[in-house]
PDB file of all heavy atoms in Angstrom:
ATOM      1  N   GLU A   1     129.090 134.170 138.532  1.00  0.00           N
ATOM      2  CA  GLU A   1     129.958 135.330 138.377  1.00  0.00           C
ATOM      3  C   GLU A   1     130.047 135.757 136.916  1.00  0.00           C
ATOM      4  O   GLU A   1     130.019 136.944 136.592  1.00  0.00           O
ATOM      5  CB  GLU A   1     131.350 135.009 138.915  1.00  0.00           C
ATOM      6  CG  GLU A   1     131.462 135.028 140.435  1.00  0.00           C
ATOM      7  CD  GLU A   1     132.897 134.820 140.894  1.00  0.00           C
ATOM      8  OE1 GLU A   1     133.724 134.396 140.067  1.00  0.00           O
ATOM      9  OE2 GLU A   1     133.173 135.083 142.070  1.00  0.00           O
ATOM     10  N   LYS A   2     130.132 134.767 136.027  1.00  0.00           N
ATOM     11  CA  LYS A   2     130.204 135.073 134.601  1.00  0.00           C
ATOM     12  C   LYS A   2     128.932 135.752 134.128  1.00  0.00           C
ATOM     13  O   LYS A   2     128.977 136.738 133.363  1.00  0.00           O
ATOM     14  CB  LYS A   2     130.439 133.775 133.825  1.00  0.00           C
ATOM     15  CG  LYS A   2     130.619 133.976 132.336  1.00  0.00           C
ATOM     16  CD  LYS A   2     130.892 132.641 131.646  1.00  0.00           C
ATOM     17  CE  LYS A   2     131.059 132.841 130.139  1.00  0.00           C
ATOM     18  NZ  LYS A   2     131.316 131.541 129.458  1.00  0.00           N
ATOM     19  N   ASP A   3     127.774 135.242 134.577  1.00  0.00           N
ATOM     20  CA  ASP A   3     126.497 135.864 134.202  1.00  0.00           C
ATOM     21  C   ASP A   3     126.387 137.282 134.741  1.00  0.00           C
ATOM     22  O   ASP A   3     125.899 138.195 134.061  1.00  0.00           O
ATOM     23  CB  ASP A   3     125.333 135.017 134.722  1.00  0.00           C
ATOM     24  CG  ASP A   3     125.217 133.683 134.006  1.00  0.00           C
ATOM     25  OD1 ASP A   3     125.780 133.565 132.900  1.00  0.00           O
ATOM     26  OD2 ASP A   3     124.577 132.771 134.558  1.00  0.00           O
ATOM     27  N   ILE A   4     126.838 137.441 135.996  1.00  0.00           N
ATOM     28  CA  ILE A   4     126.761 138.769 136.613  1.00  0.00           C
ATOM     29  C   ILE A   4     127.621 139.766 135.837  1.00  0.00           C
ATOM     30  O   ILE A   4     127.192 140.889 135.510  1.00  0.00           O
ATOM     31  CB  ILE A   4     127.202 138.696 138.085  1.00  0.00           C
ATOM     32  CG1 ILE A   4     126.183 137.873 138.891  1.00  0.00           C
ATOM     33  CG2 ILE A   4     127.324 140.088 138.701  1.00  0.00           C
ATOM     34  CD1 ILE A   4     126.621 137.583 140.305  1.00  0.00           C
ATOM     35  N   ARG A   5     128.830 139.376 135.498  1.00  0.00           N
ATOM     36  CA  ARG A   5     129.745 140.289 134.808  1.00  0.00           C
ATOM     37  C   ARG A   5     129.279 140.564 133.376  1.00  0.00           C
ATOM     38  O   ARG A   5     129.461 141.674 132.852  1.00  0.00           O
ATOM     39  CB  ARG A   5     131.162 139.717 134.811  1.00  0.00           C
ATOM     40  CG  ARG A   5     131.720 139.552 136.218  1.00  0.00           C
ATOM     41  CD  ARG A   5     133.152 139.064 136.220  1.00  0.00           C
ATOM     42  NE  ARG A   5     133.581 138.756 137.570  1.00  0.00           N
ATOM     43  CZ  ARG A   5     133.947 139.659 138.470  1.00  0.00           C
ATOM     44  NH1 ARG A   5     133.936 140.938 138.148  1.00  0.00           N
ATOM     45  NH2 ARG A   5     134.329 139.300 139.679  1.00  0.00           N
ATOM     46  N   LYS A   6     128.668 139.553 132.728  1.00  0.00           N
ATOM     47  CA  LYS A   6     128.154 139.757 131.372  1.00  0.00           C
ATOM     48  C   LYS A   6     127.004 140.748 131.382  1.00  0.00           C
ATOM     49  O   LYS A   6     126.897 141.623 130.511  1.00  0.00           O
ATOM     50  CB  LYS A   6     127.690 138.410 130.805  1.00  0.00           C
ATOM     51  CG  LYS A   6     127.173 138.509 129.384  1.00  0.00           C
ATOM     52  CD  LYS A   6     126.767 137.135 128.867  1.00  0.00           C
ATOM     53  CE  LYS A   6     126.232 137.229 127.456  1.00  0.00           C
ATOM     54  NZ  LYS A   6     125.810 135.890 126.933  1.00  0.00           N
ATOM     55  N   THR A   7     126.122 140.602 132.389  1.00  0.00           N
ATOM     56  CA  THR A   7     125.007 141.542 132.505  1.00  0.00           C
ATOM     57  C   THR A   7     125.509 142.938 132.853  1.00  0.00           C
ATOM     58  O   THR A   7     125.008 143.949 132.341  1.00  0.00           O
ATOM     59  CB  THR A   7     124.020 141.045 133.571  1.00  0.00           C
ATOM     60  OG1 THR A   7     123.587 139.735 133.231  1.00  0.00           O
ATOM     61  CG2 THR A   7     122.810 141.956 133.673  1.00  0.00           C
ATOM     62  N   ARG A   8     126.517 142.937 133.743  1.00  0.00           N
ATOM     63  CA  ARG A   8     127.054 144.229 134.191  1.00  0.00           C
ATOM     64  C   ARG A   8     127.645 145.038 133.034  1.00  0.00           C
ATOM     65  O   ARG A   8     127.614 146.277 133.018  1.00  0.00           O
ATOM     66  CB  ARG A   8     128.141 143.970 135.246  1.00  0.00           C
ATOM     67  CG  ARG A   8     128.812 145.218 135.774  1.00  0.00           C
ATOM     68  CD  ARG A   8     127.818 146.076 136.541  1.00  0.00           C
ATOM     69  NE  ARG A   8     128.419 147.323 136.989  1.00  0.00           N
ATOM     70  CZ  ARG A   8     128.570 148.413 136.243  1.00  0.00           C
ATOM     71  NH1 ARG A   8     128.168 148.403 134.984  1.00  0.00           N
ATOM     72  NH2 ARG A   8     129.114 149.496 136.747  1.00  0.00           N
ATOM     73  N   ALA A   9     128.178 144.335 131.996  1.00  0.00           N
ATOM     74  CA  ALA A   9     128.803 145.013 130.862  1.00  0.00           C
ATOM     75  C   ALA A   9     127.805 145.794 130.036  1.00  0.00           C
ATOM     76  O   ALA A   9     128.204 146.662 129.264  1.00  0.00           O
ATOM     77  CB  ALA A   9     129.529 143.990 130.000  1.00  0.00           C
ATOM     78  N   THR A  10     126.508 145.481 130.132  1.00  0.00           N
ATOM     79  CA  THR A  10     125.487 146.119 129.308  1.00  0.00           C
ATOM     80  C   THR A  10     124.852 147.326 129.982  1.00  0.00           C
ATOM     81  O   THR A  10     123.978 147.966 129.417  1.00  0.00           O
ATOM     82  CB  THR A  10     124.398 145.087 128.965  1.00  0.00           C
ATOM     83  OG1 THR A  10     123.763 144.667 130.164  1.00  0.00           O
ATOM     84  CG2 THR A  10     124.980 143.906 128.221  1.00  0.00           C
ATOM     85  N   ILE A  11     125.218 147.607 131.202  1.00  0.00           N
ATOM     86  CA  ILE A  11     124.626 148.741 131.912  1.00  0.00           C
ATOM     87  C   ILE A  11     125.695 149.734 132.293  1.00  0.00           C
ATOM     88  O   ILE A  11     126.892 149.478 132.126  1.00  0.00           O
ATOM     89  CB  ILE A  11     123.842 148.229 133.133  1.00  0.00           C
ATOM     90  CG1 ILE A  11     124.745 147.462 134.080  1.00  0.00           C
ATOM     91  CG2 ILE A  11     122.671 147.375 132.718  1.00  0.00           C
ATOM     92  CD1 ILE A  11     124.059 146.938 135.311  1.00  0.00           C
ATOM     93  N   ASN A  12     125.294 150.881 132.836  1.00  0.00           N
ATOM     94  CA  ASN A  12     126.240 151.975 133.099  1.00  0.00           C
ATOM     95  C   ASN A  12     126.882 151.872 134.473  1.00  0.00           C
ATOM     96  O   ASN A  12     126.629 150.949 135.238  1.00  0.00           O
ATOM     97  CB  ASN A  12     125.542 153.338 132.923  1.00  0.00           C
ATOM     98  CG  ASN A  12     124.324 153.444 133.806  1.00  0.00           C
ATOM     99  OD1 ASN A  12     124.321 152.986 134.935  1.00  0.00           O
ATOM    100  ND2 ASN A  12     123.262 154.056 133.288  1.00  0.00           N
ATOM    101  N   ASN A  13     127.719 152.866 134.755  1.00  0.00           N
ATOM    102  CA  ASN A  13     128.511 152.854 135.984  1.00  0.00           C
ATOM    103  C   ASN A  13     127.671 152.961 137.254  1.00  0.00           C
ATOM    104  O   ASN A  13     128.187 152.740 138.355  1.00  0.00           O
ATOM    105  CB  ASN A  13     129.524 154.005 135.952  1.00  0.00           C
ATOM    106  CG  ASN A  13     130.545 153.818 134.863  1.00  0.00           C
ATOM    107  OD1 ASN A  13     130.844 152.685 134.485  1.00  0.00           O
ATOM    108  ND2 ASN A  13     131.079 154.922 134.347  1.00  0.00           N
ATOM    109  N   HIS A  14     126.383 153.271 137.087  1.00  0.00           N
ATOM    110  CA  HIS A  14     125.516 153.388 138.262  1.00  0.00           C
ATOM    111  C   HIS A  14     125.389 152.067 139.019  1.00  0.00           C
ATOM    112  O   HIS A  14     125.071 152.042 140.207  1.00  0.00           O
ATOM    113  CB  HIS A  14     124.132 153.891 137.826  1.00  0.00           C
ATOM    114  CG  HIS A  14     123.143 153.971 138.940  1.00  0.00           C
ATOM    115  ND1 HIS A  14     123.170 154.942 139.924  1.00  0.00           N
ATOM    116  CD2 HIS A  14     122.072 153.173 139.244  1.00  0.00           C
ATOM    117  CE1 HIS A  14     122.179 154.754 140.774  1.00  0.00           C
ATOM    118  NE2 HIS A  14     121.493 153.684 140.386  1.00  0.00           N
ATOM    119  N   LEU A  15     125.664 150.951 138.312  1.00  0.00           N
ATOM    120  CA  LEU A  15     125.488 149.627 138.922  1.00  0.00           C
ATOM    121  C   LEU A  15     126.766 149.089 139.571  1.00  0.00           C
ATOM    122  O   LEU A  15     126.781 147.943 140.021  1.00  0.00           O
ATOM    123  CB  LEU A  15     124.996 148.626 137.874  1.00  0.00           C
ATOM    124  CG  LEU A  15     123.658 148.960 137.219  1.00  0.00           C
ATOM    125  CD1 LEU A  15     123.323 147.938 136.159  1.00  0.00           C
ATOM    126  CD2 LEU A  15     122.557 149.029 138.244  1.00  0.00           C
ATOM    127  N   ASP A  16     127.857 149.877 139.579  1.00  0.00           N
ATOM    128  CA  ASP A  16     129.123 149.367 140.136  1.00  0.00           C
ATOM    129  C   ASP A  16     128.970 148.939 141.600  1.00  0.00           C
ATOM    130  O   ASP A  16     129.423 147.856 142.003  1.00  0.00           O
ATOM    131  CB  ASP A  16     130.220 150.437 140.033  1.00  0.00           C
ATOM    132  CG  ASP A  16     130.717 150.570 138.604  1.00  0.00           C
ATOM    133  OD1 ASP A  16     130.461 149.631 137.808  1.00  0.00           O
ATOM    134  OD2 ASP A  16     131.350 151.577 138.301  1.00  0.00           O
ATOM    135  N   LYS A  17     128.356 149.780 142.400  1.00  0.00           N
ATOM    136  CA  LYS A  17     128.208 149.467 143.803  1.00  0.00           C
ATOM    137  C   LYS A  17     127.280 148.261 144.017  1.00  0.00           C
ATOM    138  O   LYS A  17     127.527 147.409 144.897  1.00  0.00           O
ATOM    139  CB  LYS A  17     127.674 150.674 144.570  1.00  0.00           C
ATOM    140  CG  LYS A  17     127.639 150.465 146.085  1.00  0.00           C
ATOM    141  CD  LYS A  17     127.151 151.701 146.800  1.00  0.00           C
ATOM    142  CE  LYS A  17     127.198 151.479 148.314  1.00  0.00           C
ATOM    143  NZ  LYS A  17     126.429 150.328 148.746  1.00  0.00           N
ATOM    144  N   LEU A  18     126.177 148.226 143.228  1.00  0.00           N
ATOM    145  CA  LEU A  18     125.242 147.097 143.357  1.00  0.00           C
ATOM    146  C   LEU A  18     125.925 145.782 142.997  1.00  0.00           C
ATOM    147  O   LEU A  18     125.674 144.741 143.623  1.00  0.00           O
ATOM    148  CB  LEU A  18     124.017 147.319 142.468  1.00  0.00           C
ATOM    149  CG  LEU A  18     123.162 148.547 142.789  1.00  0.00           C
ATOM    150  CD1 LEU A  18     121.999 148.639 141.815  1.00  0.00           C
ATOM    151  CD2 LEU A  18     122.656 148.486 144.223  1.00  0.00           C
ATOM    152  N   GLN A  19     126.777 145.832 141.970  1.00  0.00           N
ATOM    153  CA  GLN A  19     127.513 144.618 141.582  1.00  0.00           C
ATOM    154  C   GLN A  19     128.427 144.160 142.715  1.00  0.00           C
ATOM    155  O   GLN A  19     128.513 142.956 143.024  1.00  0.00           O
ATOM    156  CB  GLN A  19     128.322 144.879 140.319  1.00  0.00           C
ATOM    157  CG  GLN A  19     129.234 143.684 139.934  1.00  0.00           C
ATOM    158  CD  GLN A  19     130.085 143.994 138.730  1.00  0.00           C
ATOM    159  OE1 GLN A  19     129.579 144.300 137.664  1.00  0.00           O
ATOM    160  NE2 GLN A  19     131.385 143.924 138.913  1.00  0.00           N
ATOM    161  N   GLU A  20     129.126 145.088 143.335  1.00  0.00           N
ATOM    162  CA  GLU A  20     130.033 144.747 144.424  1.00  0.00           C
ATOM    163  C   GLU A  20     129.275 144.133 145.598  1.00  0.00           C
ATOM    164  O   GLU A  20     129.731 143.144 146.197  1.00  0.00           O
ATOM    165  CB  GLU A  20     130.770 146.007 144.876  1.00  0.00           C
ATOM    166  CG  GLU A  20     131.782 145.747 145.994  1.00  0.00           C
ATOM    167  CD  GLU A  20     132.478 147.028 146.415  1.00  0.00           C
ATOM    168  OE1 GLU A  20     132.199 148.081 145.804  1.00  0.00           O
ATOM    169  OE2 GLU A  20     133.279 146.955 147.349  1.00  0.00           O
ATOM    170  N   ASP A  21     128.096 144.682 145.921  1.00  0.00           N
ATOM    171  CA  ASP A  21     127.289 144.138 147.012  1.00  0.00           C
ATOM    172  C   ASP A  21     126.842 142.706 146.717  1.00  0.00           C
ATOM    173  O   ASP A  21     126.838 141.850 147.610  1.00  0.00           O
ATOM    174  CB  ASP A  21     126.059 145.025 147.253  1.00  0.00           C
ATOM    175  CG  ASP A  21     126.441 146.397 147.792  1.00  0.00           C
ATOM    176  OD1 ASP A  21     127.567 146.532 148.314  1.00  0.00           O
ATOM    177  OD2 ASP A  21     125.615 147.327 147.676  1.00  0.00           O
ATOM    178  N   LEU A  22     126.460 142.462 145.486  1.00  0.00           N
ATOM    179  CA  LEU A  22     125.984 141.120 145.140  1.00  0.00           C
ATOM    180  C   LEU A  22     127.107 140.095 145.184  1.00  0.00           C
ATOM    181  O   LEU A  22     126.926 138.964 145.648  1.00  0.00           O
ATOM    182  CB  LEU A  22     125.340 141.128 143.750  1.00  0.00           C
ATOM    183  CG  LEU A  22     124.700 139.817 143.320  1.00  0.00           C
ATOM    184  CD1 LEU A  22     123.574 139.416 144.269  1.00  0.00           C
ATOM    185  CD2 LEU A  22     124.169 139.894 141.904  1.00  0.00           C
ATOM    186  N   LEU A  23     128.295 140.506 144.714  1.00  0.00           N
ATOM    187  CA  LEU A  23     129.435 139.583 144.769  1.00  0.00           C
ATOM    188  C   LEU A  23     129.806 139.254 146.214  1.00  0.00           C
ATOM    189  O   LEU A  23     130.189 138.127 146.532  1.00  0.00           O
ATOM    190  CB  LEU A  23     130.643 140.186 144.036  1.00  0.00           C
ATOM    191  CG  LEU A  23     130.514 140.265 142.508  1.00  0.00           C
ATOM    192  CD1 LEU A  23     131.711 140.991 141.910  1.00  0.00           C
ATOM    193  CD2 LEU A  23     130.378 138.874 141.910  1.00  0.00           C
ATOM    194  N   LYS A  24     129.687 140.263 147.085  1.00  0.00           N
ATOM    195  CA  LYS A  24     129.945 139.994 148.493  1.00  0.00           C
ATOM    196  C   LYS A  24     128.922 139.018 149.052  1.00  0.00           C
ATOM    197  O   LYS A  24     129.256 138.112 149.834  1.00  0.00           O
ATOM    198  CB  LYS A  24     129.902 141.306 149.288  1.00  0.00           C
ATOM    199  CG  LYS A  24     131.095 142.208 149.058  1.00  0.00           C
ATOM    200  CD  LYS A  24     130.983 143.465 149.901  1.00  0.00           C
ATOM    201  CE  LYS A  24     132.199 144.370 149.697  1.00  0.00           C
ATOM    202  NZ  LYS A  24     132.090 145.614 150.505  1.00  0.00           N
ATOM    203  N   GLN A  25     127.675 139.198 148.644  1.00  0.00           N
ATOM    204  CA  GLN A  25     126.627 138.277 149.105  1.00  0.00           C
ATOM    205  C   GLN A  25     126.883 136.855 148.604  1.00  0.00           C
ATOM    206  O   GLN A  25     126.730 135.875 149.345  1.00  0.00           O
ATOM    207  CB  GLN A  25     125.256 138.750 148.616  1.00  0.00           C
ATOM    208  CG  GLN A  25     124.114 137.843 149.074  1.00  0.00           C
ATOM    209  CD  GLN A  25     122.796 138.192 148.400  1.00  0.00           C
ATOM    210  OE1 GLN A  25     122.706 139.138 147.640  1.00  0.00           O
ATOM    211  NE2 GLN A  25     121.768 137.402 148.700  1.00  0.00           N
ATOM    212  N   LEU A  26     127.298 136.758 147.343  1.00  0.00           N
ATOM    213  CA  LEU A  26     127.590 135.453 146.759  1.00  0.00           C
ATOM    214  C   LEU A  26     128.697 134.739 147.526  1.00  0.00           C
ATOM    215  O   LEU A  26     128.582 133.570 147.891  1.00  0.00           O
ATOM    216  CB  LEU A  26     127.982 135.625 145.291  1.00  0.00           C
ATOM    217  CG  LEU A  26     128.505 134.368 144.570  1.00  0.00           C
ATOM    218  CD1 LEU A  26     127.416 133.295 144.516  1.00  0.00           C
ATOM    219  CD2 LEU A  26     128.988 134.722 143.176  1.00  0.00           C
ATOM    220  N   ASN A  27     129.786 135.460 147.792  1.00  0.00           N
ATOM    221  CA  ASN A  27     130.906 134.858 148.508  1.00  0.00           C
ATOM    222  C   ASN A  27     130.528 134.488 149.947  1.00  0.00           C
ATOM    223  O   ASN A  27     130.960 133.463 150.474  1.00  0.00           O
ATOM    224  CB  ASN A  27     132.104 135.813 148.519  1.00  0.00           C
ATOM    225  CG  ASN A  27     132.723 135.978 147.133  1.00  0.00           C
ATOM    226  OD1 ASN A  27     132.703 135.052 146.327  1.00  0.00           O
ATOM    227  ND2 ASN A  27     133.251 137.156 146.848  1.00  0.00           N
ATOM    228  N   ALA A  28     129.704 135.354 150.559  1.00  0.00           N
ATOM    229  CA  ALA A  28     129.294 135.076 151.935  1.00  0.00           C
ATOM    230  C   ALA A  28     128.430 133.827 152.015  1.00  0.00           C
ATOM    231  O   ALA A  28     128.598 132.983 152.906  1.00  0.00           O
ATOM    232  CB  ALA A  28     128.546 136.283 152.511  1.00  0.00           C
ATOM    233  N   VAL A  29     127.486 133.691 151.073  1.00  0.00           N
ATOM    234  CA  VAL A  29     126.609 132.514 151.063  1.00  0.00           C
ATOM    235  C   VAL A  29     127.411 131.251 150.794  1.00  0.00           C
ATOM    236  O   VAL A  29     127.228 130.219 151.440  1.00  0.00           O
ATOM    237  CB  VAL A  29     125.496 132.685 150.010  1.00  0.00           C
ATOM    238  CG1 VAL A  29     124.704 131.385 149.859  1.00  0.00           C
ATOM    239  CG2 VAL A  29     124.553 133.813 150.410  1.00  0.00           C
ATOM    240  N   GLU A  30     128.348 131.352 149.818  1.00  0.00           N
ATOM    241  CA  GLU A  30     129.157 130.165 149.511  1.00  0.00           C
ATOM    242  C   GLU A  30     130.045 129.783 150.693  1.00  0.00           C
ATOM    243  O   GLU A  30     130.188 128.604 151.029  1.00  0.00           O
ATOM    244  CB  GLU A  30     130.021 130.426 148.281  1.00  0.00           C
ATOM    245  CG  GLU A  30     130.805 129.180 147.858  1.00  0.00           C
ATOM    246  CD  GLU A  30     132.008 129.514 147.018  1.00  0.00           C
ATOM    247  OE1 GLU A  30     132.456 130.683 147.035  1.00  0.00           O
ATOM    248  OE2 GLU A  30     132.518 128.594 146.353  1.00  0.00           O
TER     249      GLU A  30
END
């Protein structure tokens, strides 16, 4: 999660939805 959020800080708002999808995938797998 920390890596994802750190990477997310360097890109624009276009990635907001992609970030949310990945976090959902992470929680689902865990």
